């Protein structure tokens, strides 16, 4: 897991890798560990990270075909939608955040029946 120095870069790399493996709950866990210190120090990327965490959980709901999955997925993805605009070139690890956002967008396209 993450060290005390908050390996955000490593967490984002693992997030991307685990998304590709469809391990959405694990994706959430990996990034959540890095998110806590960001949140506590009010880092500007904390909300973007939280949005990505919720983005991953959205696809766990879909993967498990939860009851009322469409409504649940739309409710959970809302956090990602609110914060994805924070992925701008001036943030730390922009390339990794951008890749993570692109993967969430691709997953949304793959499950367009849920989001349209």
N, C-alpha and C. Protein backbone atom coordinates (compact mmCIF):
# COMPACT_ATOMS: atom_id res chain seq x y z
N UNK A 1 0.83 -1.18 0.00
CA UNK A 1 0.00 0.00 0.00
C UNK A 1 0.88 1.25 0.00
N UNK A 2 0.27 2.40 0.25
CA UNK A 2 1.00 3.66 0.18
C UNK A 2 1.86 3.88 1.42
N UNK A 3 2.98 4.55 1.21
CA UNK A 3 3.83 4.92 2.33
C UNK A 3 3.32 6.22 2.93
N UNK A 4 3.87 6.63 4.04
CA UNK A 4 3.44 7.84 4.71
C UNK A 4 3.70 9.09 3.87
N UNK A 5 4.61 9.01 2.89
CA UNK A 5 4.90 10.19 2.08
C UNK A 5 3.86 10.39 0.98
N UNK A 6 2.79 9.64 1.02
CA UNK A 6 1.67 9.83 0.09
C UNK A 6 2.11 9.70 -1.36
N UNK A 7 2.28 8.50 -1.80
CA UNK A 7 2.73 8.24 -3.17
C UNK A 7 1.56 8.39 -4.14
N UNK A 8 1.19 9.64 -4.40
CA UNK A 8 0.08 9.92 -5.32
C UNK A 8 0.39 9.39 -6.72
N UNK A 9 1.61 9.56 -7.17
CA UNK A 9 2.00 9.08 -8.49
C UNK A 9 1.78 7.57 -8.59
N UNK A 10 2.26 6.84 -7.61
CA UNK A 10 2.08 5.38 -7.59
C UNK A 10 0.62 4.98 -7.52
N UNK A 11 -0.15 5.72 -6.72
CA UNK A 11 -1.58 5.42 -6.60
C UNK A 11 -2.28 5.63 -7.94
N UNK A 12 -1.95 6.71 -8.63
CA UNK A 12 -2.56 6.96 -9.94
C UNK A 12 -2.18 5.89 -10.96
N UNK A 13 -0.92 5.48 -10.94
CA UNK A 13 -0.48 4.40 -11.85
C UNK A 13 -1.23 3.11 -11.56
N UNK A 14 -1.39 2.78 -10.28
CA UNK A 14 -2.14 1.58 -9.90
C UNK A 14 -3.61 1.72 -10.26
N UNK A 15 -4.16 2.90 -10.08
CA UNK A 15 -5.55 3.17 -10.43
C UNK A 15 -5.78 2.84 -11.90
N UNK A 16 -4.92 3.34 -12.76
CA UNK A 16 -5.05 3.13 -14.20
C UNK A 16 -4.92 1.64 -14.54
N UNK A 17 -3.93 1.00 -13.95
CA UNK A 17 -3.70 -0.44 -14.19
C UNK A 17 -4.91 -1.27 -13.75
N UNK A 18 -5.41 -0.97 -12.57
CA UNK A 18 -6.54 -1.74 -12.04
C UNK A 18 -7.83 -1.46 -12.80
N UNK A 19 -7.99 -0.25 -13.33
CA UNK A 19 -9.16 0.02 -14.19
C UNK A 19 -9.12 -0.89 -15.40
N UNK A 20 -7.94 -1.03 -15.99
CA UNK A 20 -7.79 -1.90 -17.16
C UNK A 20 -8.13 -3.35 -16.82
N UNK A 21 -7.89 -3.74 -15.57
CA UNK A 21 -8.17 -5.11 -15.13
C UNK A 21 -9.60 -5.27 -14.60
N UNK A 22 -10.39 -4.19 -14.66
CA UNK A 22 -11.77 -4.18 -14.18
C UNK A 22 -11.89 -4.51 -12.70
N UNK A 23 -10.87 -4.13 -11.93
CA UNK A 23 -10.87 -4.33 -10.48
C UNK A 23 -11.28 -3.02 -9.82
N UNK A 24 -12.53 -2.64 -10.03
CA UNK A 24 -13.00 -1.32 -9.66
C UNK A 24 -13.01 -1.05 -8.16
N UNK A 25 -13.31 -2.06 -7.36
CA UNK A 25 -13.28 -1.83 -5.91
C UNK A 25 -11.84 -1.58 -5.47
N UNK A 26 -10.91 -2.37 -5.98
CA UNK A 26 -9.49 -2.18 -5.64
C UNK A 26 -8.99 -0.82 -6.13
N UNK A 27 -9.46 -0.39 -7.30
CA UNK A 27 -9.11 0.92 -7.85
C UNK A 27 -9.48 1.99 -6.83
N UNK A 28 -10.68 1.90 -6.32
CA UNK A 28 -11.18 2.83 -5.32
C UNK A 28 -10.29 2.84 -4.08
N UNK A 29 -9.93 1.66 -3.59
CA UNK A 29 -9.11 1.54 -2.39
C UNK A 29 -7.74 2.19 -2.57
N UNK A 30 -7.11 1.93 -3.70
CA UNK A 30 -5.77 2.45 -3.98
C UNK A 30 -5.75 3.98 -3.97
N UNK A 31 -6.68 4.57 -4.65
CA UNK A 31 -6.67 6.03 -4.75
C UNK A 31 -7.20 6.68 -3.47
N UNK A 32 -8.10 6.00 -2.78
CA UNK A 32 -8.63 6.57 -1.54
C UNK A 32 -7.52 6.77 -0.50
N UNK A 33 -6.59 5.84 -0.46
CA UNK A 33 -5.48 5.95 0.47
C UNK A 33 -4.65 7.20 0.20
N UNK A 34 -4.47 7.54 -1.05
CA UNK A 34 -3.73 8.75 -1.41
C UNK A 34 -4.58 10.00 -1.23
N UNK A 35 -5.89 9.86 -1.34
CA UNK A 35 -6.80 11.00 -1.23
C UNK A 35 -6.87 11.56 0.18
N UNK A 36 -6.85 10.71 1.20
CA UNK A 36 -6.99 11.18 2.58
C UNK A 36 -6.01 12.29 2.94
N UNK A 37 -4.70 12.12 2.71
CA UNK A 37 -3.78 13.22 3.04
C UNK A 37 -4.01 14.46 2.18
N UNK A 38 -4.42 14.27 0.93
CA UNK A 38 -4.73 15.42 0.07
C UNK A 38 -5.88 16.23 0.66
N UNK A 39 -6.89 15.52 1.09
CA UNK A 39 -8.07 16.17 1.68
C UNK A 39 -7.71 16.92 2.95
N UNK A 40 -6.91 16.30 3.79
CA UNK A 40 -6.55 16.91 5.08
C UNK A 40 -5.74 18.19 4.89
N UNK A 41 -4.90 18.21 3.87
CA UNK A 41 -4.10 19.44 3.66
C UNK A 41 -4.74 20.36 2.62
N UNK A 42 -6.00 20.06 2.27
CA UNK A 42 -6.77 20.88 1.33
C UNK A 42 -6.03 21.10 0.01
N UNK A 43 -5.42 20.04 -0.49
CA UNK A 43 -4.70 20.07 -1.76
C UNK A 43 -5.72 20.30 -2.89
N UNK A 44 -5.35 21.12 -3.87
CA UNK A 44 -6.28 21.40 -4.97
C UNK A 44 -6.73 20.17 -5.77
N UNK A 45 -5.96 19.10 -5.77
CA UNK A 45 -6.36 17.91 -6.54
C UNK A 45 -7.22 16.93 -5.72
N UNK A 46 -7.50 17.27 -4.46
CA UNK A 46 -8.27 16.35 -3.61
C UNK A 46 -9.65 16.06 -4.20
N UNK A 47 -10.34 17.08 -4.69
CA UNK A 47 -11.68 16.86 -5.25
C UNK A 47 -11.62 16.06 -6.55
N UNK A 48 -10.61 16.28 -7.35
CA UNK A 48 -10.44 15.49 -8.58
C UNK A 48 -10.20 14.03 -8.22
N UNK A 49 -9.34 13.79 -7.24
CA UNK A 49 -9.08 12.42 -6.80
C UNK A 49 -10.36 11.77 -6.26
N UNK A 50 -11.14 12.52 -5.48
CA UNK A 50 -12.40 11.98 -4.94
C UNK A 50 -13.36 11.65 -6.08
N UNK A 51 -13.41 12.51 -7.08
CA UNK A 51 -14.25 12.23 -8.24
C UNK A 51 -13.84 10.95 -8.94
N UNK A 52 -12.54 10.73 -9.07
CA UNK A 52 -12.06 9.50 -9.71
C UNK A 52 -12.36 8.27 -8.85
N UNK A 53 -12.27 8.43 -7.54
CA UNK A 53 -12.63 7.33 -6.64
C UNK A 53 -14.09 6.93 -6.87
N UNK A 54 -14.96 7.92 -6.90
CA UNK A 54 -16.38 7.64 -7.13
C UNK A 54 -16.63 7.13 -8.54
N UNK A 55 -15.83 7.59 -9.50
CA UNK A 55 -15.95 7.06 -10.85
C UNK A 55 -15.72 5.56 -10.86
N UNK A 56 -14.70 5.11 -10.16
CA UNK A 56 -14.41 3.67 -10.10
C UNK A 56 -15.54 2.90 -9.44
N UNK A 57 -16.07 3.44 -8.34
CA UNK A 57 -17.16 2.76 -7.63
C UNK A 57 -18.40 2.63 -8.52
N UNK A 58 -18.61 3.62 -9.38
CA UNK A 58 -19.72 3.55 -10.32
C UNK A 58 -19.67 2.25 -11.11
N UNK A 59 -18.49 1.90 -11.58
CA UNK A 59 -18.37 0.72 -12.43
C UNK A 59 -18.36 -0.57 -11.63
N UNK A 60 -18.07 -0.49 -10.34
CA UNK A 60 -18.25 -1.66 -9.46
C UNK A 60 -19.73 -1.96 -9.33
N UNK A 61 -20.55 -0.93 -9.17
CA UNK A 61 -22.01 -1.13 -9.11
C UNK A 61 -22.49 -1.81 -10.40
N UNK A 62 -22.01 -1.33 -11.52
CA UNK A 62 -22.42 -1.90 -12.81
C UNK A 62 -21.94 -3.34 -12.94
N UNK A 63 -20.68 -3.56 -12.57
CA UNK A 63 -20.09 -4.90 -12.66
C UNK A 63 -20.90 -5.91 -11.84
N UNK A 64 -21.33 -5.49 -10.66
CA UNK A 64 -22.09 -6.37 -9.77
C UNK A 64 -23.57 -6.38 -10.10
N UNK A 65 -23.98 -5.57 -11.08
CA UNK A 65 -25.37 -5.47 -11.50
C UNK A 65 -26.30 -5.28 -10.30
N UNK A 66 -25.96 -4.30 -9.50
CA UNK A 66 -26.73 -3.97 -8.30
C UNK A 66 -28.19 -3.65 -8.66
N UNK A 67 -29.07 -3.86 -7.71
CA UNK A 67 -30.47 -3.47 -7.90
C UNK A 67 -30.52 -1.98 -8.18
N UNK A 68 -31.35 -1.58 -9.12
CA UNK A 68 -31.50 -0.18 -9.49
C UNK A 68 -30.16 0.41 -9.95
N UNK A 69 -29.40 -0.37 -10.70
CA UNK A 69 -28.03 -0.02 -11.06
C UNK A 69 -27.94 1.30 -11.83
N UNK A 70 -28.89 1.56 -12.69
CA UNK A 70 -28.82 2.79 -13.49
C UNK A 70 -28.86 4.03 -12.60
N UNK A 71 -29.80 4.07 -11.68
CA UNK A 71 -29.90 5.22 -10.77
C UNK A 71 -28.68 5.33 -9.86
N UNK A 72 -28.23 4.20 -9.31
CA UNK A 72 -27.06 4.23 -8.44
C UNK A 72 -25.83 4.71 -9.19
N UNK A 73 -25.62 4.19 -10.38
CA UNK A 73 -24.45 4.57 -11.17
C UNK A 73 -24.49 6.06 -11.51
N UNK A 74 -25.65 6.55 -11.88
CA UNK A 74 -25.77 7.97 -12.22
C UNK A 74 -25.54 8.85 -10.99
N UNK A 75 -25.97 8.41 -9.84
CA UNK A 75 -25.78 9.18 -8.62
C UNK A 75 -24.29 9.22 -8.24
N UNK A 76 -23.62 8.09 -8.32
CA UNK A 76 -22.22 8.02 -7.90
C UNK A 76 -21.30 8.73 -8.90
N UNK A 77 -21.57 8.61 -10.19
CA UNK A 77 -20.73 9.25 -11.20
C UNK A 77 -20.81 10.78 -11.10
N UNK A 78 -21.85 11.29 -10.45
CA UNK A 78 -22.03 12.75 -10.34
C UNK A 78 -20.83 13.44 -9.69
N UNK A 79 -20.19 12.79 -8.73
CA UNK A 79 -19.00 13.38 -8.09
C UNK A 79 -17.87 13.54 -9.10
N UNK A 80 -17.67 12.52 -9.92
CA UNK A 80 -16.66 12.61 -10.98
C UNK A 80 -17.01 13.74 -11.94
N UNK A 81 -18.27 13.80 -12.34
CA UNK A 81 -18.71 14.82 -13.30
C UNK A 81 -18.50 16.23 -12.75
N UNK A 82 -18.74 16.41 -11.45
CA UNK A 82 -18.57 17.72 -10.82
C UNK A 82 -17.11 18.17 -10.79
N UNK A 83 -16.18 17.22 -10.73
CA UNK A 83 -14.78 17.56 -10.48
C UNK A 83 -13.83 17.31 -11.64
N UNK A 84 -14.29 16.69 -12.71
CA UNK A 84 -13.37 16.36 -13.81
C UNK A 84 -12.75 17.60 -14.45
N UNK A 85 -13.42 18.74 -14.36
CA UNK A 85 -12.88 19.98 -14.94
C UNK A 85 -11.60 20.43 -14.22
N UNK A 86 -11.32 19.86 -13.04
CA UNK A 86 -10.11 20.21 -12.30
C UNK A 86 -8.86 19.57 -12.90
N UNK A 87 -9.03 18.69 -13.87
CA UNK A 87 -7.91 18.05 -14.54
C UNK A 87 -7.36 19.03 -15.59
N UNK A 88 -6.46 19.89 -15.14
CA UNK A 88 -5.86 20.91 -16.01
C UNK A 88 -4.35 20.76 -15.99
N UNK A 89 -3.71 21.27 -17.01
CA UNK A 89 -2.28 21.06 -17.20
C UNK A 89 -1.40 21.55 -16.05
N UNK A 90 -1.87 22.43 -15.22
CA UNK A 90 -1.04 22.98 -14.16
C UNK A 90 -1.01 22.14 -12.89
N UNK A 91 -1.81 21.07 -12.81
CA UNK A 91 -1.81 20.26 -11.59
C UNK A 91 -0.67 19.25 -11.62
N UNK A 92 -0.28 18.84 -10.44
CA UNK A 92 0.75 17.81 -10.28
C UNK A 92 0.21 16.49 -10.86
N UNK A 93 1.05 15.79 -11.58
CA UNK A 93 0.70 14.51 -12.21
C UNK A 93 -0.45 14.63 -13.19
N UNK A 94 -0.48 15.74 -13.90
CA UNK A 94 -1.54 15.99 -14.88
C UNK A 94 -1.70 14.82 -15.85
N UNK A 95 -0.60 14.31 -16.39
CA UNK A 95 -0.67 13.24 -17.38
C UNK A 95 -1.38 12.00 -16.84
N UNK A 96 -1.10 11.66 -15.60
CA UNK A 96 -1.75 10.49 -14.99
C UNK A 96 -3.21 10.78 -14.68
N UNK A 97 -3.50 11.97 -14.16
CA UNK A 97 -4.90 12.33 -13.92
C UNK A 97 -5.68 12.33 -15.23
N UNK A 98 -5.08 12.86 -16.28
CA UNK A 98 -5.74 12.91 -17.59
C UNK A 98 -6.02 11.50 -18.11
N UNK A 99 -5.03 10.62 -17.99
CA UNK A 99 -5.23 9.24 -18.43
C UNK A 99 -6.34 8.57 -17.63
N UNK A 100 -6.38 8.81 -16.31
CA UNK A 100 -7.43 8.22 -15.47
C UNK A 100 -8.80 8.75 -15.89
N UNK A 101 -8.90 10.04 -16.13
CA UNK A 101 -10.17 10.63 -16.59
C UNK A 101 -10.59 10.04 -17.93
N UNK A 102 -9.63 9.89 -18.82
CA UNK A 102 -9.93 9.30 -20.14
C UNK A 102 -10.47 7.89 -19.99
N UNK A 103 -9.92 7.13 -19.06
CA UNK A 103 -10.38 5.75 -18.86
C UNK A 103 -11.82 5.74 -18.32
N UNK A 104 -12.13 6.67 -17.41
CA UNK A 104 -13.50 6.76 -16.90
C UNK A 104 -14.44 7.14 -18.04
N UNK A 105 -14.03 8.10 -18.86
CA UNK A 105 -14.86 8.50 -20.01
C UNK A 105 -15.09 7.33 -20.96
N UNK A 106 -14.05 6.53 -21.20
CA UNK A 106 -14.19 5.35 -22.08
C UNK A 106 -15.14 4.34 -21.47
N UNK A 107 -15.05 4.14 -20.16
CA UNK A 107 -15.98 3.22 -19.49
C UNK A 107 -17.41 3.72 -19.58
N UNK A 108 -17.59 5.03 -19.46
CA UNK A 108 -18.93 5.58 -19.61
C UNK A 108 -19.47 5.29 -21.01
N UNK A 109 -18.62 5.41 -22.02
CA UNK A 109 -19.05 5.12 -23.39
C UNK A 109 -19.40 3.65 -23.55
N UNK A 110 -18.62 2.77 -22.92
CA UNK A 110 -18.89 1.34 -23.00
C UNK A 110 -20.23 0.98 -22.35
N UNK A 111 -20.65 1.79 -21.41
CA UNK A 111 -21.90 1.54 -20.68
C UNK A 111 -22.89 2.68 -20.95
N UNK A 112 -22.95 3.10 -22.20
CA UNK A 112 -23.79 4.26 -22.57
C UNK A 112 -25.25 4.05 -22.23
N UNK A 113 -25.70 2.80 -22.17
CA UNK A 113 -27.11 2.54 -21.82
C UNK A 113 -27.42 3.00 -20.40
N UNK A 114 -26.42 3.07 -19.55
CA UNK A 114 -26.58 3.51 -18.16
C UNK A 114 -26.62 5.03 -18.08
N UNK A 115 -25.81 5.69 -18.90
CA UNK A 115 -25.59 7.12 -18.75
C UNK A 115 -26.36 7.99 -19.73
N UNK A 116 -27.13 7.40 -20.62
CA UNK A 116 -27.94 8.19 -21.57
C UNK A 116 -29.40 8.16 -21.20
